[in-house]
């Protein structure tokens, strides 16, 4: 087994290091973050940093890159206080990845990348109409990290999803949703049916649950 130290990683070529470190966490969620500026201009950006922070209240986080250069998502989110998370459909992975291009703020990634901005229930941030699961969030707090990145914490105010993807116990059928996942910086993957286990208890080795 190869051993890499912190010194090894720091010494790698920039692109090699980016590829390596981004791949270390394994598979990550693939979401499109929808925002709108104060004058109504829409913005869409692919994120692989969404994370669950709590269920009561329902809190989700995303991590933005350093704001040493203009970050349209961050600026819009701070201005309106609202944003949406939208699962990336497997079939639209190429369009989703295209939103990571450095478009000027006068250009809407929704239009340029082939997505439809949809406003629902008077929420001020646009959803992705093509997504099978969309979440409306309101910014609660932000935490600045030592490397310049920012953890943004949002409260879940709205969830829209297809009925067949919601199981009786509240779990989600991501295969039915057609949700893609991400590895590294640019790898998009289809998901397979999972092996599921019940609640873990001491003295009771988990046994795989099989659908009826």
Protein backbone atom coordinates (compact mmCIF):
# COMPACT_ATOMS: atom_id res chain seq x y z
CA UNK A 1 0.00 0.00 0.00
CA UNK A 2 1.39 3.39 -0.97
CA UNK A 3 1.88 5.92 1.83
CA UNK A 4 1.47 9.64 1.18
CA UNK A 5 2.45 12.19 3.83
CA UNK A 6 1.31 15.79 4.19
CA UNK A 7 4.68 16.83 2.79
CA UNK A 8 4.18 14.58 -0.25
CA UNK A 9 0.77 16.08 -0.93
CA UNK A 10 2.04 19.65 -0.56
CA UNK A 11 4.80 18.90 -3.05
CA UNK A 12 2.58 17.60 -5.83
CA UNK A 13 1.79 19.60 -8.95
CA UNK A 14 -1.31 21.78 -8.36
CA UNK A 15 -3.63 19.88 -10.72
CA UNK A 16 -2.44 16.50 -9.45
CA UNK A 17 -3.02 17.66 -5.87
CA UNK A 18 -6.51 18.99 -6.71
CA UNK A 19 -7.49 15.71 -8.31
CA UNK A 20 -6.08 13.61 -5.48
CA UNK A 21 -7.49 15.51 -2.50
CA UNK A 22 -10.91 16.03 -4.08
CA UNK A 23 -11.17 12.28 -4.54
CA UNK A 24 -10.20 11.35 -0.96
CA UNK A 25 -13.73 11.55 0.55
CA UNK A 26 -15.05 9.06 -2.02
CA UNK A 27 -18.43 9.55 -3.63
CA UNK A 28 -20.16 12.87 -2.91
CA UNK A 29 -23.60 14.32 -3.52
CA UNK A 30 -24.23 16.16 -6.78
CA UNK A 31 -26.39 19.25 -6.43
CA UNK A 32 -27.16 22.34 -8.45
CA UNK A 33 -27.41 25.45 -6.28
CA UNK A 34 -29.94 27.96 -7.58
CA UNK A 35 -29.84 31.63 -6.57
CA UNK A 36 -31.05 34.99 -7.83
CA UNK A 37 -29.51 38.45 -7.54
CA UNK A 38 -31.30 41.49 -6.17
CA UNK A 39 -32.33 42.49 -9.69
CA UNK A 40 -33.69 39.01 -10.48
CA UNK A 41 -30.79 37.60 -12.52
CA UNK A 42 -30.60 33.84 -11.98
CA UNK A 43 -27.49 31.81 -11.26
CA UNK A 44 -26.87 28.06 -11.17
CA UNK A 45 -23.75 26.23 -9.99
CA UNK A 46 -22.87 22.59 -9.39
CA UNK A 47 -21.74 21.73 -5.85
CA UNK A 48 -20.41 18.48 -4.41
CA UNK A 49 -20.09 19.74 -0.83
CA UNK A 50 -23.66 19.50 0.51
CA UNK A 51 -23.84 17.85 3.91
CA UNK A 52 -26.43 16.95 6.54
CA UNK A 53 -26.00 18.92 9.77
CA UNK A 54 -29.13 17.97 11.71
CA UNK A 55 -32.71 16.78 11.37
CA UNK A 56 -34.54 18.70 14.11
CA UNK A 57 -34.45 21.40 12.96
CA UNK A 58 -33.56 20.28 9.44
CA UNK A 59 -30.19 21.85 8.58
CA UNK A 60 -28.01 21.36 5.51
CA UNK A 61 -24.66 22.92 4.69
CA UNK A 62 -22.65 23.71 1.61
CA UNK A 63 -19.02 24.82 1.39
CA UNK A 64 -18.09 27.62 -0.99
CA UNK A 65 -14.65 28.33 -2.37
CA UNK A 66 -12.67 31.34 -1.05
CA UNK A 67 -14.34 34.66 -1.81
CA UNK A 68 -11.06 36.31 -2.85
CA UNK A 69 -12.58 36.53 -6.35
CA UNK A 70 -16.26 37.19 -7.22
CA UNK A 71 -18.49 34.21 -6.32
CA UNK A 72 -21.91 34.75 -7.85
CA UNK A 73 -23.62 32.05 -5.82
CA UNK A 74 -22.26 33.44 -2.55
CA UNK A 75 -23.12 37.05 -3.43
CA UNK A 76 -26.68 36.18 -4.46
CA UNK A 77 -27.22 33.95 -1.46
CA UNK A 78 -26.02 36.64 0.93
CA UNK A 79 -28.19 39.24 -0.77
CA UNK A 80 -31.47 37.30 -0.74
CA UNK A 81 -30.82 34.95 2.16
CA UNK A 82 -32.26 32.05 0.16
CA UNK A 83 -31.03 29.34 -2.20
CA UNK A 84 -32.09 25.98 -3.59
CA UNK A 85 -30.39 22.60 -3.73
CA UNK A 86 -31.42 20.45 -6.67
CA UNK A 87 -30.31 16.87 -7.29
CA UNK A 88 -28.41 16.43 -10.55
CA UNK A 89 -30.26 14.08 -12.91
CA UNK A 90 -27.99 11.38 -14.32
CA UNK A 91 -29.09 12.21 -17.86
CA UNK A 92 -28.14 15.88 -17.45
CA UNK A 93 -24.70 15.46 -15.87
CA UNK A 94 -22.95 17.18 -18.78
CA UNK A 95 -25.15 20.26 -18.51
CA UNK A 96 -24.71 20.29 -14.74
CA UNK A 97 -20.92 20.17 -15.06
CA UNK A 98 -21.04 23.00 -17.61
CA UNK A 99 -22.39 25.32 -14.88
CA UNK A 100 -18.90 25.21 -13.31
CA UNK A 101 -17.53 27.23 -16.24
CA UNK A 102 -16.62 30.82 -15.42
CA UNK A 103 -19.65 32.58 -16.90
CA UNK A 104 -19.97 36.36 -16.35
CA UNK A 105 -22.65 37.43 -13.88
CA UNK A 106 -24.69 38.84 -16.77
CA UNK A 107 -25.22 35.29 -18.11
CA UNK A 108 -27.68 32.87 -16.53
CA UNK A 109 -26.33 29.32 -16.27
CA UNK A 110 -29.94 28.14 -16.32
CA UNK A 111 -30.33 29.38 -19.88
CA UNK A 112 -26.77 28.73 -21.05
CA UNK A 113 -26.61 25.17 -19.73
CA UNK A 114 -30.09 23.98 -20.66
CA UNK A 115 -32.00 24.12 -17.36
CA UNK A 116 -35.33 25.70 -16.51
CA UNK A 117 -35.59 28.16 -13.62
CA UNK A 118 -38.84 27.63 -11.74
CA UNK A 119 -40.18 29.68 -8.83
CA UNK A 120 -42.50 27.92 -6.37
CA UNK A 121 -44.64 29.05 -3.44
CA UNK A 122 -43.28 32.61 -3.42
CA UNK A 123 -39.77 31.43 -2.53
CA UNK A 124 -37.22 34.01 -3.81
CA UNK A 125 -34.65 31.53 -5.18
CA UNK A 126 -35.17 29.52 -8.38
CA UNK A 127 -35.51 25.74 -8.46
CA UNK A 128 -34.34 23.47 -11.31
CA UNK A 129 -37.50 22.21 -13.00
CA UNK A 130 -35.66 19.15 -14.37
CA UNK A 131 -34.54 17.95 -10.92
CA UNK A 132 -36.49 15.10 -9.28
CA UNK A 133 -35.68 16.43 -5.80
CA UNK A 134 -35.35 20.10 -4.90
CA UNK A 135 -34.89 21.84 -1.56
CA UNK A 136 -35.52 25.46 -0.63
CA UNK A 137 -33.21 26.76 2.10
CA UNK A 138 -32.84 29.97 4.07
CA UNK A 139 -29.35 30.99 5.21
CA UNK A 140 -29.00 30.60 8.98
CA UNK A 141 -25.28 31.13 9.60
CA UNK A 142 -21.86 30.99 8.01
CA UNK A 143 -18.51 29.81 9.29
CA UNK A 144 -15.22 30.96 7.78
CA UNK A 145 -12.61 28.22 7.58
CA UNK A 146 -8.86 28.79 7.86
CA UNK A 147 -8.19 28.16 4.15
CA UNK A 148 -10.69 30.82 3.04
CA UNK A 149 -13.61 28.51 2.28
CA UNK A 150 -16.96 29.23 3.90
CA UNK A 151 -19.44 26.77 5.40
CA UNK A 152 -22.97 28.05 4.80
CA UNK A 153 -25.68 26.56 7.01
CA UNK A 154 -29.27 26.69 5.81
CA UNK A 155 -32.62 25.73 7.30
CA UNK A 156 -34.80 23.53 5.10
CA UNK A 157 -38.05 25.34 4.32
CA UNK A 158 -39.35 23.41 1.30
CA UNK A 159 -38.79 19.96 -0.22
CA UNK A 160 -40.21 18.83 -3.57
CA UNK A 161 -39.77 15.26 -4.75
CA UNK A 162 -41.51 12.58 -6.77
CA UNK A 163 -43.96 10.54 -4.68
CA UNK A 164 -42.53 7.15 -5.73
CA UNK A 165 -39.09 8.05 -4.34
CA UNK A 166 -40.34 8.51 -0.75
CA UNK A 167 -40.44 5.21 1.14
CA UNK A 168 -42.92 4.56 4.01
CA UNK A 169 -40.12 4.91 6.60
CA UNK A 170 -38.99 8.30 5.27
CA UNK A 171 -35.90 7.05 3.43
CA UNK A 172 -35.35 8.09 -0.16
CA UNK A 173 -35.04 5.85 -3.20
CA UNK A 174 -32.23 7.68 -4.98
CA UNK A 175 -32.26 5.11 -7.77
CA UNK A 176 -35.89 5.95 -8.52
CA UNK A 177 -34.99 9.63 -8.44
CA UNK A 178 -32.28 9.11 -11.06
CA UNK A 179 -29.86 11.13 -8.94
CA UNK A 180 -26.21 11.28 -10.00
CA UNK A 181 -23.25 11.30 -7.63
CA UNK A 182 -19.78 12.82 -7.99
CA UNK A 183 -16.25 11.56 -7.47
CA UNK A 184 -13.32 13.94 -7.45
CA UNK A 185 -13.73 17.11 -9.48
CA UNK A 186 -15.38 15.82 -12.62
CA UNK A 187 -16.57 12.20 -12.30
CA UNK A 188 -20.34 11.68 -12.47
CA UNK A 189 -21.85 8.31 -11.63
CA UNK A 190 -25.20 6.55 -11.73
CA UNK A 191 -26.28 5.04 -8.41
CA UNK A 192 -27.14 1.38 -7.85
CA UNK A 193 -29.74 -0.12 -5.50
CA UNK A 194 -28.23 -0.12 -1.99
CA UNK A 195 -27.67 -2.88 0.52
CA UNK A 196 -29.79 -1.69 3.46
CA UNK A 197 -29.42 -2.52 7.17
CA UNK A 198 -31.69 -1.86 10.12
CA UNK A 199 -30.86 0.33 13.10
CA UNK A 200 -27.57 -0.87 14.62
CA UNK A 201 -27.71 -2.18 18.21
CA UNK A 202 -24.94 -3.58 20.40
CA UNK A 203 -24.93 -7.37 20.36
CA UNK A 204 -27.05 -7.57 17.21
CA UNK A 205 -24.85 -7.89 14.10
CA UNK A 206 -26.57 -6.12 11.19
CA UNK A 207 -28.39 -8.29 8.67
CA UNK A 208 -29.15 -7.05 5.17
CA UNK A 209 -32.78 -6.12 4.60
CA UNK A 210 -34.34 -7.30 1.38
CA UNK A 211 -37.32 -5.56 -0.18
CA UNK A 212 -40.60 -7.45 -0.10
